[in-house]
Amino acid sequence: MDVPLWFALLCVGVLGVKLVRPPWWLVAVLLLGGYLLADSLLAPVIDTAVK
């Protein structure tokens, strides 16, 4: 069974929000911050740190 990565991440995200119940503003800040960091000068540094 092949599951697309975006679908698996969506399921984990929905379960995390339902179980942990973080504030919606925190979810929005984390998503926006991750999006902005991915397009910044720090992206190569983050990429090597994660790998």
PDB file of N, CA and C in Angstrom:
ATOM      1  N   MET A   1       0.836  -1.172   0.000  1.00  0.00           N
ATOM      2  CA  MET A   1       0.000   0.000   0.000  1.00  0.00           C
ATOM      3  C   MET A   1       0.886   1.242   0.000  1.00  0.00           C
ATOM      4  N   ASP A   2       0.713   2.094  -0.978  1.00  0.00           N
ATOM      5  CA  ASP A   2       1.489   3.329  -1.082  1.00  0.00           C
ATOM      6  C   ASP A   2       0.626   4.509  -0.645  1.00  0.00           C
ATOM      7  N   VAL A   3       1.118   5.236   0.339  1.00  0.00           N
ATOM      8  CA  VAL A   3       0.415   6.413   0.840  1.00  0.00           C
ATOM      9  C   VAL A   3       1.258   7.630   0.501  1.00  0.00           C
ATOM     10  N   PRO A   4       0.667   8.654  -0.127  1.00  0.00           N
ATOM     11  CA  PRO A   4       1.440   9.857  -0.432  1.00  0.00           C
ATOM     12  C   PRO A   4       1.906  10.550   0.858  1.00  0.00           C
ATOM     13  N   LEU A   5       3.076  11.171   0.788  1.00  0.00           N
ATOM     14  CA  LEU A   5       3.650  11.828   1.951  1.00  0.00           C
ATOM     15  C   LEU A   5       2.747  12.941   2.459  1.00  0.00           C
ATOM     16  N   TRP A   6       2.151  13.713   1.548  1.00  0.00           N
ATOM     17  CA  TRP A   6       1.299  14.825   1.981  1.00  0.00           C
ATOM     18  C   TRP A   6       0.088  14.307   2.759  1.00  0.00           C
ATOM     19  N   PHE A   7      -0.434  13.140   2.374  1.00  0.00           N
ATOM     20  CA  PHE A   7      -1.588  12.580   3.067  1.00  0.00           C
ATOM     21  C   PHE A   7      -1.206  12.081   4.459  1.00  0.00           C
ATOM     22  N   ALA A   8      -0.049  11.446   4.562  1.00  0.00           N
ATOM     23  CA  ALA A   8       0.414  10.959   5.862  1.00  0.00           C
ATOM     24  C   ALA A   8       0.673  12.132   6.806  1.00  0.00           C
ATOM     25  N   LEU A   9       1.290  13.201   6.314  1.00  0.00           N
ATOM     26  CA  LEU A   9       1.542  14.377   7.145  1.00  0.00           C
ATOM     27  C   LEU A   9       0.242  15.056   7.551  1.00  0.00           C
ATOM     28  N   LEU A  10      -0.716  15.078   6.649  1.00  0.00           N
ATOM     29  CA  LEU A  10      -2.013  15.664   6.973  1.00  0.00           C
ATOM     30  C   LEU A  10      -2.703  14.881   8.082  1.00  0.00           C
ATOM     31  N   CYS A  11      -2.662  13.555   7.996  1.00  0.00           N
ATOM     32  CA  CYS A  11      -3.283  12.722   9.030  1.00  0.00           C
ATOM     33  C   CYS A  11      -2.597  12.911  10.380  1.00  0.00           C
ATOM     34  N   VAL A  12      -1.272  12.949  10.393  1.00  0.00           N
ATOM     35  CA  VAL A  12      -0.542  13.158  11.641  1.00  0.00           C
ATOM     36  C   VAL A  12      -0.847  14.542  12.208  1.00  0.00           C
ATOM     37  N   GLY A  13      -0.928  15.550  11.347  1.00  0.00           N
ATOM     38  CA  GLY A  13      -1.246  16.900  11.802  1.00  0.00           C
ATOM     39  C   GLY A  13      -2.636  17.004  12.390  1.00  0.00           C
ATOM     40  N   VAL A  14      -3.613  16.391  11.744  1.00  0.00           N
ATOM     41  CA  VAL A  14      -4.993  16.436  12.251  1.00  0.00           C
ATOM     42  C   VAL A  14      -5.087  15.709  13.592  1.00  0.00           C
ATOM     43  N   LEU A  15      -4.447  14.550  13.693  1.00  0.00           N
ATOM     44  CA  LEU A  15      -4.464  13.822  14.962  1.00  0.00           C
ATOM     45  C   LEU A  15      -3.751  14.608  16.060  1.00  0.00           C
ATOM     46  N   GLY A  16      -2.639  15.258  15.714  1.00  0.00           N
ATOM     47  CA  GLY A  16      -1.917  16.057  16.701  1.00  0.00           C
ATOM     48  C   GLY A  16      -2.739  17.216  17.214  1.00  0.00           C
ATOM     49  N   VAL A  17      -3.452  17.883  16.321  1.00  0.00           N
ATOM     50  CA  VAL A  17      -4.285  19.014  16.739  1.00  0.00           C
ATOM     51  C   VAL A  17      -5.454  18.523  17.596  1.00  0.00           C
ATOM     52  N   LYS A  18      -6.032  17.379  17.236  1.00  0.00           N
ATOM     53  CA  LYS A  18      -7.170  16.868  18.008  1.00  0.00           C
ATOM     54  C   LYS A  18      -6.738  16.372  19.384  1.00  0.00           C
ATOM     55  N   LEU A  19      -5.584  15.722  19.474  1.00  0.00           N
ATOM     56  CA  LEU A  19      -5.166  15.124  20.740  1.00  0.00           C
ATOM     57  C   LEU A  19      -4.485  16.123  21.673  1.00  0.00           C
ATOM     58  N   VAL A  20      -3.621  16.981  21.132  1.00  0.00           N
ATOM     59  CA  VAL A  20      -2.856  17.901  21.968  1.00  0.00           C
ATOM     60  C   VAL A  20      -3.619  19.199  22.210  1.00  0.00           C
ATOM     61  N   ARG A  21      -4.453  19.592  21.273  1.00  0.00           N
ATOM     62  CA  ARG A  21      -5.255  20.819  21.337  1.00  0.00           C
ATOM     63  C   ARG A  21      -4.427  22.081  21.531  1.00  0.00           C
ATOM     64  N   PRO A  22      -3.448  22.338  20.628  1.00  0.00           N
ATOM     65  CA  PRO A  22      -2.719  23.613  20.725  1.00  0.00           C
ATOM     66  C   PRO A  22      -3.611  24.743  20.221  1.00  0.00           C
ATOM     67  N   PRO A  23      -3.314  25.975  20.629  1.00  0.00           N
ATOM     68  CA  PRO A  23      -4.095  27.101  20.104  1.00  0.00           C
ATOM     69  C   PRO A  23      -3.883  27.242  18.592  1.00  0.00           C
ATOM     70  N   TRP A  24      -4.919  27.679  17.895  1.00  0.00           N
ATOM     71  CA  TRP A  24      -4.824  27.786  16.432  1.00  0.00           C
ATOM     72  C   TRP A  24      -3.795  28.812  15.999  1.00  0.00           C
ATOM     73  N   TRP A  25      -3.591  29.870  16.816  1.00  0.00           N
ATOM     74  CA  TRP A  25      -2.597  30.864  16.444  1.00  0.00           C
ATOM     75  C   TRP A  25      -1.195  30.258  16.481  1.00  0.00           C
ATOM     76  N   LEU A  26      -0.952  29.316  17.397  1.00  0.00           N
ATOM     77  CA  LEU A  26       0.357  28.660  17.465  1.00  0.00           C
ATOM     78  C   LEU A  26       0.576  27.771  16.246  1.00  0.00           C
ATOM     79  N   VAL A  27      -0.452  27.076  15.818  1.00  0.00           N
ATOM     80  CA  VAL A  27      -0.351  26.252  14.607  1.00  0.00           C
ATOM     81  C   VAL A  27      -0.043  27.137  13.397  1.00  0.00           C
ATOM     82  N   ALA A  28      -0.735  28.277  13.292  1.00  0.00           N
ATOM     83  CA  ALA A  28      -0.513  29.193  12.163  1.00  0.00           C
ATOM     84  C   ALA A  28       0.894  29.787  12.198  1.00  0.00           C
ATOM     85  N   VAL A  29       1.372  30.159  13.373  1.00  0.00           N
ATOM     86  CA  VAL A  29       2.721  30.725  13.490  1.00  0.00           C
ATOM     87  C   VAL A  29       3.777  29.696  13.119  1.00  0.00           C
ATOM     88  N   LEU A  30       3.608  28.457  13.565  1.00  0.00           N
ATOM     89  CA  LEU A  30       4.587  27.415  13.228  1.00  0.00           C
ATOM     90  C   LEU A  30       4.598  27.101  11.733  1.00  0.00           C
ATOM     91  N   LEU A  31       3.422  27.040  11.120  1.00  0.00           N
ATOM     92  CA  LEU A  31       3.364  26.777   9.675  1.00  0.00           C
ATOM     93  C   LEU A  31       3.966  27.926   8.878  1.00  0.00           C
ATOM     94  N   LEU A  32       3.611  29.153   9.239  1.00  0.00           N
ATOM     95  CA  LEU A  32       4.144  30.313   8.527  1.00  0.00           C
ATOM     96  C   LEU A  32       5.635  30.449   8.763  1.00  0.00           C
ATOM     97  N   GLY A  33       6.076  30.219   9.989  1.00  0.00           N
ATOM     98  CA  GLY A  33       7.513  30.291  10.285  1.00  0.00           C
ATOM     99  C   GLY A  33       8.311  29.243   9.528  1.00  0.00           C
ATOM    100  N   GLY A  34       7.791  28.036   9.442  1.00  0.00           N
ATOM    101  CA  GLY A  34       8.479  26.990   8.682  1.00  0.00           C
ATOM    102  C   GLY A  34       8.545  27.306   7.206  1.00  0.00           C
ATOM    103  N   TYR A  35       7.463  27.876   6.692  1.00  0.00           N
ATOM    104  CA  TYR A  35       7.440  28.263   5.274  1.00  0.00           C
ATOM    105  C   TYR A  35       8.460  29.368   5.000  1.00  0.00           C
ATOM    106  N   LEU A  36       8.530  30.348   5.882  1.00  0.00           N
ATOM    107  CA  LEU A  36       9.469  31.451   5.687  1.00  0.00           C
ATOM    108  C   LEU A  36      10.916  31.003   5.884  1.00  0.00           C
ATOM    109  N   LEU A  37      11.168  30.104   6.827  1.00  0.00           N
ATOM    110  CA  LEU A  37      12.523  29.596   7.032  1.00  0.00           C
ATOM    111  C   LEU A  37      13.002  28.756   5.854  1.00  0.00           C
ATOM    112  N   ALA A  38      12.099  28.062   5.209  1.00  0.00           N
ATOM    113  CA  ALA A  38      12.475  27.214   4.080  1.00  0.00           C
ATOM    114  C   ALA A  38      12.961  28.041   2.892  1.00  0.00           C
ATOM    115  N   ASP A  39      12.555  29.302   2.849  1.00  0.00           N
ATOM    116  CA  ASP A  39      12.947  30.166   1.732  1.00  0.00           C
ATOM    117  C   ASP A  39      13.987  31.205   2.157  1.00  0.00           C
ATOM    118  N   SER A  40      14.619  31.028   3.314  1.00  0.00           N
ATOM    119  CA  SER A  40      15.564  32.017   3.811  1.00  0.00           C
ATOM    120  C   SER A  40      17.003  31.571   3.560  1.00  0.00           C
ATOM    121  N   LEU A  41      17.925  32.387   4.015  1.00  0.00           N
ATOM    122  CA  LEU A  41      19.345  32.045   3.901  1.00  0.00           C
ATOM    123  C   LEU A  41      19.740  30.920   4.850  1.00  0.00           C
ATOM    124  N   LEU A  42      18.922  30.671   5.847  1.00  0.00           N
ATOM    125  CA  LEU A  42      19.216  29.611   6.811  1.00  0.00           C
ATOM    126  C   LEU A  42      18.791  28.218   6.327  1.00  0.00           C
ATOM    127  N   ALA A  43      18.145  28.146   5.201  1.00  0.00           N
ATOM    128  CA  ALA A  43      17.646  26.852   4.708  1.00  0.00           C
ATOM    129  C   ALA A  43      18.747  25.815   4.515  1.00  0.00           C
ATOM    130  N   PRO A  44      19.913  26.159   3.900  1.00  0.00           N
ATOM    131  CA  PRO A  44      20.959  25.135   3.775  1.00  0.00           C
ATOM    132  C   PRO A  44      21.500  24.658   5.123  1.00  0.00           C
ATOM    133  N   VAL A  45      21.585  25.563   6.097  1.00  0.00           N
ATOM    134  CA  VAL A  45      22.070  25.186   7.428  1.00  0.00           C
ATOM    135  C   VAL A  45      21.077  24.245   8.088  1.00  0.00           C
ATOM    136  N   ILE A  46      19.799  24.549   7.987  1.00  0.00           N
ATOM    137  CA  ILE A  46      18.769  23.694   8.565  1.00  0.00           C
ATOM    138  C   ILE A  46      18.746  22.336   7.874  1.00  0.00           C
ATOM    139  N   ASP A  47      18.930  22.347   6.562  1.00  0.00           N
ATOM    140  CA  ASP A  47      18.911  21.096   5.789  1.00  0.00           C
ATOM    141  C   ASP A  47      20.053  20.178   6.232  1.00  0.00           C
ATOM    142  N   THR A  48      21.242  20.727   6.410  1.00  0.00           N
ATOM    143  CA  THR A  48      22.357  19.877   6.841  1.00  0.00           C
ATOM    144  C   THR A  48      22.192  19.435   8.289  1.00  0.00           C
ATOM    145  N   ALA A  49      21.564  20.260   9.132  1.00  0.00           N
ATOM    146  CA  ALA A  49      21.362  19.871  10.532  1.00  0.00           C
ATOM    147  C   ALA A  49      20.323  18.762  10.639  1.00  0.00           C
ATOM    148  N   VAL A  50      19.323  18.779   9.775  1.00  0.00           N
ATOM    149  CA  VAL A  50      18.279  17.763   9.827  1.00  0.00           C
ATOM    150  C   VAL A  50      18.780  16.431   9.284  1.00  0.00           C
ATOM    151  N   LYS A  51      19.621  16.495   8.277  1.00  0.00           N
ATOM    152  CA  LYS A  51      20.140  15.246   7.684  1.00  0.00           C
ATOM    153  C   LYS A  51      21.262  14.758   8.515  1.00  0.00           C
TER     154      LYS A  51
END
